[in-house]
């Protein structure tokens, strides 16, 4: 169920809450991948260092289906298909560098993130956009909550501030192609 939308610089962010998801199962499945070190990148300076290759397990599929249905109901898209996905585990004292989701992939329409575990002080999601002919970038911040998802244009740069909690923050991310 979509619970709100913000227009940023004429760029929509859609956010919602999923109540029918077993977040504990997502955390357990994701941490199994963490334990066997299926990182997208082994380079600690790479923005994908906190990302993990994960197979689509049933609860992840449920997240994807719910977000896609909400997105279609809210926007009028007739179909949204998953183009790529990964898990994101941010350990204490880690942050995520600024990046965009596949900015050269013109088949993907939007990216998403779903938060399965968000300890207090585990970081803030920040979107960054530069307006033409302006010298400073614009920022919009969201403090994530468990069970919350955010959908955004795949080209929109974003990052997550440092996790200053003593626990892992766990989220699922991916890209949709919608039409």
Foldseek 3Di string as FASTA:
>chain_A
DWDDWDQDVNWIKTKDFDDPADLVVVVVQQVVQVVVPQFPDPDPVDLRRQKHDHDCDPRNVVVVVVVQVVVCVVPVWPGKDFDDKIKGKAAAFGKGDKDFAPQVPPQFFKKKKAWSDDDPQQWKKKWWADDPPDDDIDIDIDRDDHRMMMITGRHIIMIIDGGNDRGMTMMMMTTIRTD
